[in-house]
N, C-alpha and C. Protein backbone atom coordinates (compact mmCIF):
# COMPACT_ATOMS: atom_id res chain seq x y z
N UNK A 1 14.01 70.29 47.06
CA UNK A 1 15.20 70.32 47.87
C UNK A 1 15.06 69.26 48.97
N UNK A 2 16.05 68.38 49.15
CA UNK A 2 15.96 67.35 50.18
C UNK A 2 16.05 67.96 51.57
N UNK A 3 15.38 67.29 52.53
CA UNK A 3 15.43 67.71 53.92
C UNK A 3 16.13 66.62 54.71
N UNK A 4 17.11 67.00 55.54
CA UNK A 4 17.80 66.03 56.37
C UNK A 4 16.95 65.67 57.57
N UNK A 5 17.01 64.42 58.00
CA UNK A 5 16.28 63.99 59.19
C UNK A 5 15.48 62.74 58.92
N UNK A 6 14.81 62.30 59.97
CA UNK A 6 13.94 61.13 59.90
C UNK A 6 12.51 61.59 59.70
N UNK A 7 11.68 60.68 59.23
CA UNK A 7 10.27 61.01 59.02
C UNK A 7 9.40 60.07 59.86
N UNK A 8 8.25 60.56 60.28
CA UNK A 8 7.33 59.78 61.08
C UNK A 8 5.91 60.09 60.63
N UNK A 9 5.12 59.05 60.48
CA UNK A 9 3.71 59.20 60.14
C UNK A 9 2.91 59.17 61.43
N UNK A 10 2.14 60.21 61.70
CA UNK A 10 1.25 60.26 62.86
C UNK A 10 -0.14 60.57 62.33
N UNK A 11 -1.02 59.58 62.41
CA UNK A 11 -2.35 59.74 61.82
C UNK A 11 -2.22 59.90 60.32
N UNK A 12 -2.84 60.93 59.77
CA UNK A 12 -2.77 61.19 58.33
C UNK A 12 -1.66 62.17 57.97
N UNK A 13 -0.88 62.59 58.94
CA UNK A 13 0.14 63.61 58.72
C UNK A 13 1.54 63.01 58.78
N UNK A 14 2.40 63.44 57.85
CA UNK A 14 3.80 63.02 57.83
C UNK A 14 4.64 64.15 58.41
N UNK A 15 5.61 63.81 59.29
CA UNK A 15 6.44 64.79 59.97
C UNK A 15 7.91 64.53 59.73
N UNK A 16 8.67 65.60 59.63
CA UNK A 16 10.12 65.56 59.66
C UNK A 16 10.53 65.69 61.12
N UNK A 17 11.39 64.79 61.60
CA UNK A 17 11.85 64.81 62.98
C UNK A 17 13.25 65.41 63.04
N UNK A 18 13.41 66.43 63.83
CA UNK A 18 14.72 67.06 64.05
C UNK A 18 15.08 66.89 65.52
N UNK A 19 16.28 66.34 65.82
CA UNK A 19 16.67 66.15 67.22
C UNK A 19 16.64 67.47 67.98
N UNK A 20 16.16 67.41 69.23
CA UNK A 20 16.04 68.62 70.04
C UNK A 20 16.19 68.27 71.52
N UNK A 21 16.92 69.09 72.25
CA UNK A 21 17.03 69.00 73.69
C UNK A 21 16.44 70.25 74.31
N UNK A 22 15.72 70.08 75.40
CA UNK A 22 15.20 71.21 76.18
C UNK A 22 15.78 71.11 77.59
N UNK A 23 16.87 71.86 77.87
CA UNK A 23 17.45 71.82 79.22
C UNK A 23 16.94 72.97 80.09
N UNK A 24 16.96 72.74 81.40
CA UNK A 24 16.74 73.80 82.37
C UNK A 24 17.68 73.54 83.54
N UNK A 25 18.38 74.58 83.98
CA UNK A 25 19.28 74.48 85.13
C UNK A 25 18.64 75.22 86.29
N UNK A 26 18.57 74.54 87.43
CA UNK A 26 17.90 75.08 88.61
C UNK A 26 18.89 75.10 89.77
N UNK A 27 19.15 76.28 90.30
CA UNK A 27 20.06 76.43 91.44
C UNK A 27 19.28 76.14 92.71
N UNK A 28 19.84 75.27 93.57
CA UNK A 28 19.18 74.97 94.85
C UNK A 28 20.16 75.24 95.98
N UNK A 29 19.60 75.69 97.12
CA UNK A 29 20.46 75.96 98.27
C UNK A 29 20.68 74.67 99.07
N UNK A 30 21.39 74.77 100.17
CA UNK A 30 21.72 73.59 100.95
C UNK A 30 20.76 73.31 102.09
N UNK A 31 19.59 73.94 102.07
CA UNK A 31 18.62 73.75 103.13
C UNK A 31 17.76 72.52 102.86
N UNK A 32 17.61 71.67 103.89
CA UNK A 32 16.84 70.44 103.75
C UNK A 32 15.39 70.74 103.38
N UNK A 33 14.85 69.94 102.45
CA UNK A 33 13.44 69.95 102.03
C UNK A 33 12.97 71.23 101.38
N UNK A 34 13.87 72.15 100.98
CA UNK A 34 13.43 73.36 100.29
C UNK A 34 13.28 73.06 98.80
N UNK A 35 12.55 73.93 98.11
CA UNK A 35 12.30 73.74 96.68
C UNK A 35 12.87 74.90 95.88
N UNK A 36 13.13 74.64 94.61
CA UNK A 36 13.56 75.65 93.65
C UNK A 36 12.89 75.30 92.33
N UNK A 37 12.61 76.29 91.50
CA UNK A 37 11.87 76.06 90.27
C UNK A 37 12.57 76.61 89.04
N UNK A 38 12.19 76.08 87.89
CA UNK A 38 12.64 76.54 86.59
C UNK A 38 11.57 76.27 85.56
N UNK A 39 11.73 76.81 84.38
CA UNK A 39 10.73 76.69 83.30
C UNK A 39 11.37 76.08 82.07
N UNK A 40 10.65 75.16 81.43
CA UNK A 40 11.00 74.69 80.09
C UNK A 40 9.87 75.15 79.17
N UNK A 41 10.23 75.90 78.14
CA UNK A 41 9.26 76.40 77.17
C UNK A 41 9.47 75.68 75.85
N UNK A 42 8.49 74.89 75.42
CA UNK A 42 8.56 74.18 74.14
C UNK A 42 8.36 75.20 73.02
N UNK A 43 9.15 75.09 71.97
CA UNK A 43 9.10 76.00 70.82
C UNK A 43 7.67 76.11 70.29
N UNK A 44 7.25 77.33 70.00
CA UNK A 44 5.89 77.56 69.49
C UNK A 44 5.70 77.01 68.08
N UNK A 45 6.79 76.83 67.32
CA UNK A 45 6.66 76.46 65.92
C UNK A 45 6.50 74.96 65.68
N UNK A 46 6.72 74.12 66.73
CA UNK A 46 6.67 72.69 66.48
C UNK A 46 6.36 71.91 67.76
N UNK A 47 5.51 70.88 67.63
CA UNK A 47 5.32 69.97 68.76
C UNK A 47 6.63 69.24 69.05
N UNK A 48 6.72 68.65 70.23
CA UNK A 48 7.94 67.98 70.68
C UNK A 48 7.62 66.55 71.07
N UNK A 49 8.37 65.60 70.50
CA UNK A 49 8.19 64.18 70.78
C UNK A 49 9.28 63.77 71.78
N UNK A 50 8.91 63.65 73.05
CA UNK A 50 9.84 63.35 74.13
C UNK A 50 10.12 61.86 74.20
N UNK A 51 11.41 61.48 74.28
CA UNK A 51 11.71 60.06 74.44
C UNK A 51 12.68 59.78 75.59
N UNK A 52 13.34 60.81 76.15
CA UNK A 52 14.31 60.56 77.22
C UNK A 52 14.36 61.74 78.19
N UNK A 53 14.57 61.42 79.48
CA UNK A 53 14.74 62.44 80.52
C UNK A 53 16.09 62.20 81.18
N UNK A 54 16.87 63.26 81.36
CA UNK A 54 18.19 63.13 81.97
C UNK A 54 18.37 64.23 83.01
N UNK A 55 18.96 63.87 84.17
CA UNK A 55 19.26 64.85 85.20
C UNK A 55 20.71 64.73 85.63
N UNK A 56 21.32 65.87 85.87
CA UNK A 56 22.68 65.95 86.37
C UNK A 56 22.69 66.99 87.48
N UNK A 57 23.51 66.80 88.48
CA UNK A 57 23.62 67.78 89.55
C UNK A 57 25.08 68.05 89.85
N UNK A 58 25.42 69.31 90.10
CA UNK A 58 26.81 69.65 90.41
C UNK A 58 27.25 69.07 91.74
N UNK A 59 26.31 68.61 92.57
CA UNK A 59 26.63 67.97 93.84
C UNK A 59 27.08 66.52 93.63
N UNK A 60 26.76 65.94 92.47
CA UNK A 60 27.20 64.58 92.17
C UNK A 60 28.72 64.51 92.28
N UNK A 61 29.24 63.36 92.70
CA UNK A 61 30.70 63.24 92.79
C UNK A 61 31.34 63.38 91.41
N UNK A 62 32.57 63.87 91.38
CA UNK A 62 33.26 64.05 90.11
C UNK A 62 33.89 62.76 89.61
N UNK A 63 33.96 61.75 90.47
CA UNK A 63 34.51 60.47 90.02
C UNK A 63 33.53 59.80 89.08
N UNK A 64 34.03 58.97 88.22
CA UNK A 64 33.18 58.29 87.24
C UNK A 64 32.56 57.04 87.87
N UNK A 65 31.73 57.25 88.89
CA UNK A 65 31.07 56.13 89.54
C UNK A 65 29.91 55.66 88.68
N UNK A 66 29.75 54.36 88.50
CA UNK A 66 28.66 53.86 87.67
C UNK A 66 27.30 53.98 88.36
N UNK A 67 26.27 54.04 87.56
CA UNK A 67 24.90 53.98 88.08
C UNK A 67 24.56 55.04 89.09
N UNK A 68 23.93 54.62 90.18
CA UNK A 68 23.43 55.55 91.18
C UNK A 68 24.43 55.84 92.28
N UNK A 69 25.63 55.24 92.24
CA UNK A 69 26.60 55.41 93.31
C UNK A 69 26.90 56.88 93.57
N UNK A 70 26.55 57.35 94.76
CA UNK A 70 26.86 58.72 95.14
C UNK A 70 25.99 59.78 94.50
N UNK A 71 25.02 59.41 93.71
CA UNK A 71 24.17 60.39 93.04
C UNK A 71 23.38 61.20 94.07
N UNK A 72 23.33 62.52 93.90
CA UNK A 72 22.57 63.40 94.79
C UNK A 72 21.08 63.12 94.57
N UNK A 73 20.42 62.63 95.60
CA UNK A 73 19.04 62.14 95.44
C UNK A 73 18.02 63.21 95.83
N UNK A 74 17.89 64.25 95.00
CA UNK A 74 16.81 65.20 95.21
C UNK A 74 15.55 64.64 94.53
N UNK A 75 14.47 65.40 94.57
CA UNK A 75 13.20 64.93 93.99
C UNK A 75 12.68 65.99 93.02
N UNK A 76 11.77 65.58 92.15
CA UNK A 76 11.28 66.46 91.09
C UNK A 76 9.79 66.30 90.89
N UNK A 77 9.15 67.36 90.48
CA UNK A 77 7.78 67.31 89.99
C UNK A 77 7.67 68.32 88.83
N UNK A 78 6.80 68.01 87.89
CA UNK A 78 6.62 68.88 86.72
C UNK A 78 5.13 69.15 86.53
N UNK A 79 4.81 70.41 86.25
CA UNK A 79 3.42 70.78 85.97
C UNK A 79 3.37 71.49 84.62
N UNK A 80 2.43 71.06 83.78
CA UNK A 80 2.16 71.73 82.51
C UNK A 80 1.33 72.96 82.83
N UNK A 81 1.93 74.14 82.71
CA UNK A 81 1.26 75.38 83.10
C UNK A 81 0.07 75.73 82.22
N UNK A 82 0.04 75.21 80.99
CA UNK A 82 -1.05 75.58 80.09
C UNK A 82 -2.37 74.93 80.49
N UNK A 83 -2.32 73.78 81.17
CA UNK A 83 -3.57 73.13 81.57
C UNK A 83 -3.53 72.63 83.02
N UNK A 84 -2.50 73.00 83.77
CA UNK A 84 -2.32 72.61 85.18
C UNK A 84 -2.21 71.10 85.38
N UNK A 85 -1.80 70.37 84.34
CA UNK A 85 -1.62 68.93 84.46
C UNK A 85 -0.31 68.64 85.17
N UNK A 86 -0.36 67.82 86.21
CA UNK A 86 0.84 67.41 86.94
C UNK A 86 1.33 66.07 86.42
N UNK A 87 2.63 65.98 86.16
CA UNK A 87 3.22 64.74 85.66
C UNK A 87 3.23 63.65 86.73
N UNK A 88 3.13 64.05 88.00
CA UNK A 88 3.05 63.09 89.10
C UNK A 88 2.22 63.71 90.20
N UNK A 89 1.71 62.87 91.12
CA UNK A 89 0.86 63.38 92.20
C UNK A 89 1.67 63.96 93.35
N UNK A 90 2.97 63.73 93.36
CA UNK A 90 3.86 64.24 94.40
C UNK A 90 5.28 64.27 93.85
N UNK A 91 6.22 64.71 94.65
CA UNK A 91 7.62 64.70 94.22
C UNK A 91 8.09 63.27 94.00
N UNK A 92 8.86 63.08 92.92
CA UNK A 92 9.39 61.77 92.56
C UNK A 92 10.90 61.80 92.75
N UNK A 93 11.48 60.77 93.40
CA UNK A 93 12.93 60.76 93.55
C UNK A 93 13.63 60.79 92.19
N UNK A 94 14.75 61.47 92.16
CA UNK A 94 15.52 61.61 90.92
C UNK A 94 15.79 60.26 90.26
N UNK A 95 16.16 59.25 91.04
CA UNK A 95 16.48 57.94 90.46
C UNK A 95 15.28 57.29 89.80
N UNK A 96 14.07 57.59 90.25
CA UNK A 96 12.86 57.04 89.63
C UNK A 96 12.47 57.85 88.39
N UNK A 97 12.69 59.16 88.42
CA UNK A 97 12.30 60.02 87.31
C UNK A 97 13.27 59.95 86.14
N UNK A 98 14.57 59.92 86.45
CA UNK A 98 15.57 60.01 85.38
C UNK A 98 16.65 58.94 85.49
N UNK A 99 16.42 57.93 86.28
CA UNK A 99 17.38 56.83 86.49
C UNK A 99 18.73 57.37 86.94
N UNK A 100 19.81 56.88 86.33
CA UNK A 100 21.13 57.31 86.78
C UNK A 100 21.66 58.46 85.93
N UNK A 101 22.69 59.11 86.44
CA UNK A 101 23.24 60.30 85.79
C UNK A 101 23.97 59.99 84.50
N UNK A 102 24.30 58.74 84.27
CA UNK A 102 25.05 58.36 83.08
C UNK A 102 24.16 58.27 81.83
N UNK A 103 22.95 57.73 81.99
CA UNK A 103 22.13 57.42 80.81
C UNK A 103 20.77 58.09 80.78
N UNK A 104 20.25 58.50 81.90
CA UNK A 104 18.91 59.05 81.92
C UNK A 104 17.87 57.96 81.82
N UNK A 105 16.64 58.34 81.56
CA UNK A 105 15.52 57.41 81.51
C UNK A 105 14.85 57.50 80.15
N UNK A 106 14.93 56.42 79.40
CA UNK A 106 14.26 56.35 78.10
C UNK A 106 12.85 55.83 78.31
N UNK A 107 11.88 56.59 77.84
CA UNK A 107 10.47 56.22 78.03
C UNK A 107 10.11 55.00 77.20
N UNK A 108 9.22 54.17 77.72
CA UNK A 108 8.74 53.00 76.98
C UNK A 108 7.94 53.44 75.75
N UNK A 109 7.22 54.52 75.88
CA UNK A 109 6.45 55.11 74.78
C UNK A 109 6.82 56.58 74.68
N UNK A 110 6.97 57.08 73.48
CA UNK A 110 7.25 58.50 73.30
C UNK A 110 6.04 59.32 73.75
N UNK A 111 6.30 60.54 74.18
CA UNK A 111 5.25 61.42 74.69
C UNK A 111 5.23 62.69 73.84
N UNK A 112 4.08 63.03 73.29
CA UNK A 112 3.95 64.20 72.43
C UNK A 112 3.51 65.41 73.25
N UNK A 113 4.31 66.48 73.19
CA UNK A 113 3.97 67.73 73.85
C UNK A 113 3.67 68.77 72.78
N UNK A 114 2.57 69.48 72.93
CA UNK A 114 2.19 70.51 71.96
C UNK A 114 3.24 71.61 71.91
N UNK A 115 3.35 72.24 70.74
CA UNK A 115 4.19 73.43 70.63
C UNK A 115 3.66 74.48 71.61
N UNK A 116 4.53 75.28 72.17
CA UNK A 116 4.20 76.34 73.12
C UNK A 116 3.81 75.81 74.50
N UNK A 117 4.07 74.53 74.78
CA UNK A 117 3.83 74.00 76.12
C UNK A 117 4.84 74.62 77.07
N UNK A 118 4.38 74.99 78.23
CA UNK A 118 5.23 75.60 79.27
C UNK A 118 5.22 74.68 80.48
N UNK A 119 6.41 74.17 80.85
CA UNK A 119 6.53 73.23 81.95
C UNK A 119 7.21 73.90 83.15
N UNK A 120 6.54 73.85 84.30
CA UNK A 120 7.11 74.35 85.55
C UNK A 120 7.78 73.16 86.24
N UNK A 121 9.10 73.22 86.37
CA UNK A 121 9.89 72.15 86.96
C UNK A 121 10.27 72.57 88.38
N UNK A 122 9.94 71.73 89.37
CA UNK A 122 10.27 72.02 90.76
C UNK A 122 11.17 70.91 91.30
N UNK A 123 12.28 71.31 91.87
CA UNK A 123 13.26 70.41 92.47
C UNK A 123 13.15 70.57 93.99
N UNK A 124 13.19 69.45 94.72
CA UNK A 124 13.12 69.49 96.19
C UNK A 124 14.36 68.81 96.77
N UNK A 125 15.05 69.52 97.68
CA UNK A 125 16.21 68.96 98.35
C UNK A 125 15.78 67.79 99.24
N UNK A 126 16.67 66.83 99.47
CA UNK A 126 16.35 65.75 100.40
C UNK A 126 16.24 66.28 101.83
N UNK A 127 15.53 65.54 102.68
CA UNK A 127 15.36 65.96 104.08
C UNK A 127 16.68 65.86 104.84
N UNK A 128 17.53 64.94 104.44
CA UNK A 128 18.83 64.78 105.09
C UNK A 128 19.93 64.83 104.03
N UNK A 129 21.04 65.46 104.36
CA UNK A 129 22.16 65.50 103.43
C UNK A 129 22.02 66.50 102.31
N UNK A 130 21.18 67.55 102.50
CA UNK A 130 21.00 68.56 101.46
C UNK A 130 22.30 69.32 101.23
N UNK A 131 22.52 69.71 99.99
CA UNK A 131 23.71 70.47 99.62
C UNK A 131 23.34 71.50 98.56
N UNK A 132 24.07 72.61 98.54
CA UNK A 132 23.84 73.62 97.52
C UNK A 132 24.46 73.16 96.21
N UNK A 133 23.79 73.47 95.10
CA UNK A 133 24.30 73.08 93.80
C UNK A 133 23.35 73.50 92.70
N UNK A 134 23.54 72.93 91.52
CA UNK A 134 22.68 73.20 90.38
C UNK A 134 22.26 71.89 89.75
N UNK A 135 20.96 71.70 89.62
CA UNK A 135 20.40 70.53 88.95
C UNK A 135 20.05 70.92 87.53
N UNK A 136 20.47 70.12 86.57
CA UNK A 136 20.08 70.34 85.17
C UNK A 136 19.23 69.17 84.71
N UNK A 137 18.01 69.50 84.29
CA UNK A 137 17.10 68.51 83.69
C UNK A 137 17.10 68.76 82.19
N UNK A 138 17.26 67.70 81.42
CA UNK A 138 17.18 67.81 79.96
C UNK A 138 16.12 66.85 79.45
N UNK A 139 15.17 67.40 78.70
CA UNK A 139 14.19 66.58 77.99
C UNK A 139 14.74 66.39 76.58
N UNK A 140 14.90 65.15 76.16
CA UNK A 140 15.48 64.85 74.86
C UNK A 140 14.41 64.24 73.95
N UNK A 141 14.42 64.66 72.70
CA UNK A 141 13.43 64.15 71.76
C UNK A 141 13.59 64.77 70.39
N UNK A 142 12.45 64.96 69.73
CA UNK A 142 12.42 65.49 68.37
C UNK A 142 11.38 66.59 68.24
N UNK A 143 11.75 67.68 67.56
CA UNK A 143 10.76 68.65 67.13
C UNK A 143 10.14 68.10 65.85
N UNK A 144 8.82 68.25 65.72
CA UNK A 144 8.09 67.69 64.57
C UNK A 144 7.67 68.81 63.62
N UNK A 145 8.02 68.65 62.35
CA UNK A 145 7.64 69.64 61.33
C UNK A 145 6.83 68.93 60.25
N UNK A 146 5.62 69.40 60.04
CA UNK A 146 4.71 68.78 59.06
C UNK A 146 5.30 68.93 57.65
N UNK A 147 5.23 67.85 56.87
CA UNK A 147 5.65 67.87 55.46
C UNK A 147 4.53 67.27 54.62
N UNK A 148 4.57 67.58 53.33
CA UNK A 148 3.56 67.05 52.42
C UNK A 148 3.95 65.70 51.88
């Protein structure tokens, strides 16, 4: 029976790639420099090949402004709870982590996350101009399924 999707060879193993998004929505209050957290849980049945990060915030203006114009500039840090690995040494501004709200940030190299990886995502309000809203982070990539 044929399987739909793309295939990728990693080492001696061949994988079927199925598109997958892992979103998390984090509600933040309007207090300056406060933090809020959320969890992304990677499916236990398949590793995840990450290629893009995208962030959107309800505080962003509703007008179709290009690029970073008016983008709510909160900051983010991510920790892999399974091994306490931090993706950065401190909070990273949204524009550096995920570029602009229109396109997100495509990684130069894909990043492989093991199945059952648990990511603790922390959002920090800016010191000035904080506003209440909801930040949505989406990790975009492929779930990998071994094939013969």
